[in-house]
Amino acid sequence: MGEVVNLRKWRRAREKAEAEAQAAANRAAFGRTKAEKQRAATEAAQRDALLEGSRMDTPEKP
């Protein structure tokens, strides 16, 4: 015979685990410092400038 399980406790434990997983994802996505964000923006701007500067011909504007 199976073990008796309190469904309310099981549901709460499952919801808590899902919330922890969501919190971990949010920490990874939004948990950067201001300096890290600025460095990433600077690197992106430098990459864009390098690509734009090495373009063979300029795109025509409509």
PDB file of N, CA and C in Angstrom:
ATOM      1  N   MET A   1       0.833  -1.173   0.000  1.00  0.00           N
ATOM      2  CA  MET A   1       0.000   0.000   0.000  1.00  0.00           C
ATOM      3  C   MET A   1       0.885   1.246   0.000  1.00  0.00           C
ATOM      4  N   GLY A   2       0.440   2.287  -0.676  1.00  0.00           N
ATOM      5  CA  GLY A   2       1.227   3.511  -0.821  1.00  0.00           C
ATOM      6  C   GLY A   2       1.236   4.367   0.436  1.00  0.00           C
ATOM      7  N   GLU A   3       2.138   5.307   0.427  1.00  0.00           N
ATOM      8  CA  GLU A   3       2.275   6.219   1.553  1.00  0.00           C
ATOM      9  C   GLU A   3       1.211   7.317   1.463  1.00  0.00           C
ATOM     10  N   VAL A   4       0.666   7.703   2.603  1.00  0.00           N
ATOM     11  CA  VAL A   4      -0.339   8.752   2.644  1.00  0.00           C
ATOM     12  C   VAL A   4       0.364  10.099   2.481  1.00  0.00           C
ATOM     13  N   VAL A   5      -0.164  10.912   1.559  1.00  0.00           N
ATOM     14  CA  VAL A   5       0.459  12.196   1.258  1.00  0.00           C
ATOM     15  C   VAL A   5      -0.557  13.303   1.474  1.00  0.00           C
ATOM     16  N   ASN A   6      -0.139  14.358   2.155  1.00  0.00           N
ATOM     17  CA  ASN A   6      -0.990  15.522   2.321  1.00  0.00           C
ATOM     18  C   ASN A   6      -0.861  16.343   1.040  1.00  0.00           C
ATOM     19  N   LEU A   7      -1.943  16.427   0.285  1.00  0.00           N
ATOM     20  CA  LEU A   7      -1.893  17.085  -1.021  1.00  0.00           C
ATOM     21  C   LEU A   7      -1.608  18.577  -0.900  1.00  0.00           C
ATOM     22  N   ARG A   8      -2.074  19.200   0.164  1.00  0.00           N
ATOM     23  CA  ARG A   8      -1.828  20.624   0.350  1.00  0.00           C
ATOM     24  C   ARG A   8      -0.332  20.882   0.534  1.00  0.00           C
ATOM     25  N   LYS A   9       0.334  20.065   1.341  1.00  0.00           N
ATOM     26  CA  LYS A   9       1.774  20.214   1.545  1.00  0.00           C
ATOM     27  C   LYS A   9       2.536  19.927   0.257  1.00  0.00           C
ATOM     28  N   TRP A  10       2.099  18.930  -0.475  1.00  0.00           N
ATOM     29  CA  TRP A  10       2.741  18.585  -1.739  1.00  0.00           C
ATOM     30  C   TRP A  10       2.612  19.738  -2.736  1.00  0.00           C
ATOM     31  N   ARG A  11       1.415  20.329  -2.821  1.00  0.00           N
ATOM     32  CA  ARG A  11       1.173  21.440  -3.736  1.00  0.00           C
ATOM     33  C   ARG A  11       2.022  22.647  -3.346  1.00  0.00           C
ATOM     34  N   ARG A  12       2.085  22.959  -2.068  1.00  0.00           N
ATOM     35  CA  ARG A  12       2.880  24.089  -1.598  1.00  0.00           C
ATOM     36  C   ARG A  12       4.370  23.861  -1.864  1.00  0.00           C
ATOM     37  N   ALA A  13       4.842  22.657  -1.677  1.00  0.00           N
ATOM     38  CA  ALA A  13       6.248  22.351  -1.938  1.00  0.00           C
ATOM     39  C   ALA A  13       6.556  22.506  -3.428  1.00  0.00           C
ATOM     40  N   ARG A  14       5.636  22.066  -4.265  1.00  0.00           N
ATOM     41  CA  ARG A  14       5.826  22.200  -5.710  1.00  0.00           C
ATOM     42  C   ARG A  14       5.845  23.669  -6.115  1.00  0.00           C
ATOM     43  N   GLU A  15       4.931  24.462  -5.571  1.00  0.00           N
ATOM     44  CA  GLU A  15       4.890  25.893  -5.889  1.00  0.00           C
ATOM     45  C   GLU A  15       6.136  26.606  -5.401  1.00  0.00           C
ATOM     46  N   LYS A  16       6.637  26.201  -4.237  1.00  0.00           N
ATOM     47  CA  LYS A  16       7.853  26.814  -3.703  1.00  0.00           C
ATOM     48  C   LYS A  16       9.045  26.487  -4.604  1.00  0.00           C
ATOM     49  N   ALA A  17       9.126  25.268  -5.089  1.00  0.00           N
ATOM     50  CA  ALA A  17      10.215  24.881  -5.979  1.00  0.00           C
ATOM     51  C   ALA A  17      10.140  25.659  -7.294  1.00  0.00           C
ATOM     52  N   GLU A  18       8.940  25.850  -7.824  1.00  0.00           N
ATOM     53  CA  GLU A  18       8.773  26.626  -9.053  1.00  0.00           C
ATOM     54  C   GLU A  18       9.170  28.078  -8.833  1.00  0.00           C
ATOM     55  N   ALA A  19       8.805  28.641  -7.677  1.00  0.00           N
ATOM     56  CA  ALA A  19       9.162  30.025  -7.366  1.00  0.00           C
ATOM     57  C   ALA A  19      10.675  30.172  -7.237  1.00  0.00           C
ATOM     58  N   GLU A  20      11.327  29.203  -6.639  1.00  0.00           N
ATOM     59  CA  GLU A  20      12.789  29.240  -6.517  1.00  0.00           C
ATOM     60  C   GLU A  20      13.456  29.185  -7.892  1.00  0.00           C
ATOM     61  N   ALA A  21      12.916  28.364  -8.776  1.00  0.00           N
ATOM     62  CA  ALA A  21      13.472  28.275 -10.129  1.00  0.00           C
ATOM     63  C   ALA A  21      13.294  29.599 -10.863  1.00  0.00           C
ATOM     64  N   GLN A  22      12.134  30.223 -10.717  1.00  0.00           N
ATOM     65  CA  GLN A  22      11.888  31.518 -11.354  1.00  0.00           C
ATOM     66  C   GLN A  22      12.805  32.589 -10.774  1.00  0.00           C
ATOM     67  N   ALA A  23      13.017  32.557  -9.462  1.00  0.00           N
ATOM     68  CA  ALA A  23      13.902  33.526  -8.811  1.00  0.00           C
ATOM     69  C   ALA A  23      15.333  33.367  -9.309  1.00  0.00           C
ATOM     70  N   ALA A  24      15.779  32.146  -9.490  1.00  0.00           N
ATOM     71  CA  ALA A  24      17.130  31.906 -10.000  1.00  0.00           C
ATOM     72  C   ALA A  24      17.269  32.441 -11.422  1.00  0.00           C
ATOM     73  N   ALA A  25      16.244  32.249 -12.232  1.00  0.00           N
ATOM     74  CA  ALA A  25      16.279  32.766 -13.600  1.00  0.00           C
ATOM     75  C   ALA A  25      16.305  34.294 -13.603  1.00  0.00           C
ATOM     76  N   ASN A  26      15.531  34.909 -12.716  1.00  0.00           N
ATOM     77  CA  ASN A  26      15.518  36.368 -12.623  1.00  0.00           C
ATOM     78  C   ASN A  26      16.855  36.901 -12.137  1.00  0.00           C
ATOM     79  N   ARG A  27      17.480  36.216 -11.189  1.00  0.00           N
ATOM     80  CA  ARG A  27      18.788  36.657 -10.705  1.00  0.00           C
ATOM     81  C   ARG A  27      19.812  36.613 -11.830  1.00  0.00           C
ATOM     82  N   ALA A  28      19.729  35.606 -12.666  1.00  0.00           N
ATOM     83  CA  ALA A  28      20.673  35.502 -13.781  1.00  0.00           C
ATOM     84  C   ALA A  28      20.408  36.586 -14.820  1.00  0.00           C
ATOM     85  N   ALA A  29      19.148  36.909 -15.054  1.00  0.00           N
ATOM     86  CA  ALA A  29      18.805  37.872 -16.092  1.00  0.00           C
ATOM     87  C   ALA A  29      18.982  39.314 -15.636  1.00  0.00           C
ATOM     88  N   PHE A  30      18.605  39.630 -14.407  1.00  0.00           N
ATOM     89  CA  PHE A  30      18.565  41.016 -13.962  1.00  0.00           C
ATOM     90  C   PHE A  30      19.533  41.318 -12.837  1.00  0.00           C
ATOM     91  N   GLY A  31      20.309  40.376 -12.408  1.00  0.00           N
ATOM     92  CA  GLY A  31      21.158  40.552 -11.244  1.00  0.00           C
ATOM     93  C   GLY A  31      22.540  41.081 -11.549  1.00  0.00           C
ATOM     94  N   ARG A  32      22.678  41.881 -12.598  1.00  0.00           N
ATOM     95  CA  ARG A  32      23.983  42.429 -12.933  1.00  0.00           C
ATOM     96  C   ARG A  32      24.169  43.787 -12.262  1.00  0.00           C
ATOM     97  N   THR A  33      25.408  44.111 -11.956  1.00  0.00           N
ATOM     98  CA  THR A  33      25.694  45.401 -11.352  1.00  0.00           C
ATOM     99  C   THR A  33      25.659  46.489 -12.417  1.00  0.00           C
ATOM    100  N   LYS A  34      25.648  47.730 -11.966  1.00  0.00           N
ATOM    101  CA  LYS A  34      25.612  48.856 -12.895  1.00  0.00           C
ATOM    102  C   LYS A  34      26.858  48.865 -13.774  1.00  0.00           C
ATOM    103  N   ALA A  35      27.996  48.545 -13.186  1.00  0.00           N
ATOM    104  CA  ALA A  35      29.247  48.521 -13.946  1.00  0.00           C
ATOM    105  C   ALA A  35      29.212  47.442 -15.023  1.00  0.00           C
ATOM    106  N   GLU A  36      28.667  46.284 -14.718  1.00  0.00           N
ATOM    107  CA  GLU A  36      28.574  45.210 -15.709  1.00  0.00           C
ATOM    108  C   GLU A  36      27.663  45.624 -16.864  1.00  0.00           C
ATOM    109  N   LYS A  37      26.546  46.283 -16.546  1.00  0.00           N
ATOM    110  CA  LYS A  37      25.634  46.743 -17.592  1.00  0.00           C
ATOM    111  C   LYS A  37      26.310  47.785 -18.473  1.00  0.00           C
ATOM    112  N   GLN A  38      27.048  48.718 -17.859  1.00  0.00           N
ATOM    113  CA  GLN A  38      27.732  49.750 -18.634  1.00  0.00           C
ATOM    114  C   GLN A  38      28.824  49.147 -19.515  1.00  0.00           C
ATOM    115  N   ARG A  39      29.559  48.172 -18.979  1.00  0.00           N
ATOM    116  CA  ARG A  39      30.607  47.525 -19.768  1.00  0.00           C
ATOM    117  C   ARG A  39      30.004  46.804 -20.966  1.00  0.00           C
ATOM    118  N   ALA A  40      28.893  46.110 -20.767  1.00  0.00           N
ATOM    119  CA  ALA A  40      28.244  45.397 -21.875  1.00  0.00           C
ATOM    120  C   ALA A  40      27.741  46.384 -22.922  1.00  0.00           C
ATOM    121  N   ALA A  41      27.205  47.527 -22.482  1.00  0.00           N
ATOM    122  CA  ALA A  41      26.723  48.532 -23.430  1.00  0.00           C
ATOM    123  C   ALA A  41      27.884  49.128 -24.218  1.00  0.00           C
ATOM    124  N   THR A  42      29.001  49.372 -23.545  1.00  0.00           N
ATOM    125  CA  THR A  42      30.178  49.920 -24.218  1.00  0.00           C
ATOM    126  C   THR A  42      30.721  48.937 -25.247  1.00  0.00           C
ATOM    127  N   GLU A  43      30.799  47.673 -24.868  1.00  0.00           N
ATOM    128  CA  GLU A  43      31.282  46.651 -25.804  1.00  0.00           C
ATOM    129  C   GLU A  43      30.369  46.532 -27.007  1.00  0.00           C
ATOM    130  N   ALA A  44      29.072  46.602 -26.794  1.00  0.00           N
ATOM    131  CA  ALA A  44      28.126  46.519 -27.901  1.00  0.00           C
ATOM    132  C   ALA A  44      28.279  47.722 -28.826  1.00  0.00           C
ATOM    133  N   ALA A  45      28.475  48.906 -28.250  1.00  0.00           N
ATOM    134  CA  ALA A  45      28.655  50.110 -29.068  1.00  0.00           C
ATOM    135  C   ALA A  45      29.941  50.011 -29.887  1.00  0.00           C
ATOM    136  N   GLN A  46      31.006  49.497 -29.296  1.00  0.00           N
ATOM    137  CA  GLN A  46      32.266  49.332 -30.022  1.00  0.00           C
ATOM    138  C   GLN A  46      32.118  48.321 -31.153  1.00  0.00           C
ATOM    139  N   ARG A  47      31.411  47.225 -30.894  1.00  0.00           N
ATOM    140  CA  ARG A  47      31.170  46.223 -31.933  1.00  0.00           C
ATOM    141  C   ARG A  47      30.383  46.822 -33.093  1.00  0.00           C
ATOM    142  N   ASP A  48      29.326  47.580 -32.760  1.00  0.00           N
ATOM    143  CA  ASP A  48      28.508  48.193 -33.803  1.00  0.00           C
ATOM    144  C   ASP A  48      29.320  49.194 -34.612  1.00  0.00           C
ATOM    145  N   ALA A  49      30.160  49.984 -33.937  1.00  0.00           N
ATOM    146  CA  ALA A  49      30.985  50.968 -34.647  1.00  0.00           C
ATOM    147  C   ALA A  49      31.983  50.272 -35.556  1.00  0.00           C
ATOM    148  N   LEU A  50      32.569  49.186 -35.102  1.00  0.00           N
ATOM    149  CA  LEU A  50      33.518  48.436 -35.922  1.00  0.00           C
ATOM    150  C   LEU A  50      32.833  47.861 -37.157  1.00  0.00           C
ATOM    151  N   LEU A  51      31.656  47.286 -36.977  1.00  0.00           N
ATOM    152  CA  LEU A  51      30.931  46.728 -38.116  1.00  0.00           C
ATOM    153  C   LEU A  51      30.502  47.816 -39.092  1.00  0.00           C
ATOM    154  N   GLU A  52      30.037  48.936 -38.562  1.00  0.00           N
ATOM    155  CA  GLU A  52      29.601  50.033 -39.424  1.00  0.00           C
ATOM    156  C   GLU A  52      30.788  50.642 -40.159  1.00  0.00           C
ATOM    157  N   GLY A  53      31.936  50.729 -39.499  1.00  0.00           N
ATOM    158  CA  GLY A  53      33.114  51.307 -40.120  1.00  0.00           C
ATOM    159  C   GLY A  53      33.720  50.426 -41.192  1.00  0.00           C
ATOM    160  N   SER A  54      33.518  49.136 -41.110  1.00  0.00           N
ATOM    161  CA  SER A  54      34.101  48.237 -42.100  1.00  0.00           C
ATOM    162  C   SER A  54      33.100  47.839 -43.180  1.00  0.00           C
ATOM    163  N   ARG A  55      32.004  48.566 -43.247  1.00  0.00           N
ATOM    164  CA  ARG A  55      30.996  48.293 -44.275  1.00  0.00           C
ATOM    165  C   ARG A  55      31.541  48.700 -45.630  1.00  0.00           C
ATOM    166  N   MET A  56      31.322  47.893 -46.666  1.00  0.00           N
ATOM    167  CA  MET A  56      31.864  48.149 -47.995  1.00  0.00           C
ATOM    168  C   MET A  56      31.135  49.312 -48.679  1.00  0.00           C
ATOM    169  N   ASP A  57      29.835  49.327 -48.598  1.00  0.00           N
ATOM    170  CA  ASP A  57      29.073  50.406 -49.192  1.00  0.00           C
ATOM    171  C   ASP A  57      27.982  50.826 -48.216  1.00  0.00           C
ATOM    172  N   THR A  58      27.534  52.036 -48.307  1.00  0.00           N
ATOM    173  CA  THR A  58      26.517  52.532 -47.388  1.00  0.00           C
ATOM    174  C   THR A  58      25.147  52.104 -47.881  1.00  0.00           C
ATOM    175  N   PRO A  59      24.268  51.756 -46.969  1.00  0.00           N
ATOM    176  CA  PRO A  59      22.923  51.343 -47.388  1.00  0.00           C
ATOM    177  C   PRO A  59      22.134  52.557 -47.875  1.00  0.00           C
ATOM    178  N   GLU A  60      21.288  52.301 -48.869  1.00  0.00           N
ATOM    179  CA  GLU A  60      20.457  53.379 -49.392  1.00  0.00           C
ATOM    180  C   GLU A  60      19.252  53.580 -48.484  1.00  0.00           C
ATOM    181  N   LYS A  61      18.932  54.829 -48.250  1.00  0.00           N
ATOM    182  CA  LYS A  61      17.781  55.138 -47.417  1.00  0.00           C
ATOM    183  C   LYS A  61      16.559  55.311 -48.300  1.00  0.00           C
ATOM    184  N   PRO A  62      15.429  54.749 -47.888  1.00  0.00           N
ATOM    185  CA  PRO A  62      14.215  54.844 -48.745  1.00  0.00           C
ATOM    186  C   PRO A  62      13.623  56.218 -48.772  1.00  0.00           C
TER     187      PRO A  62
END
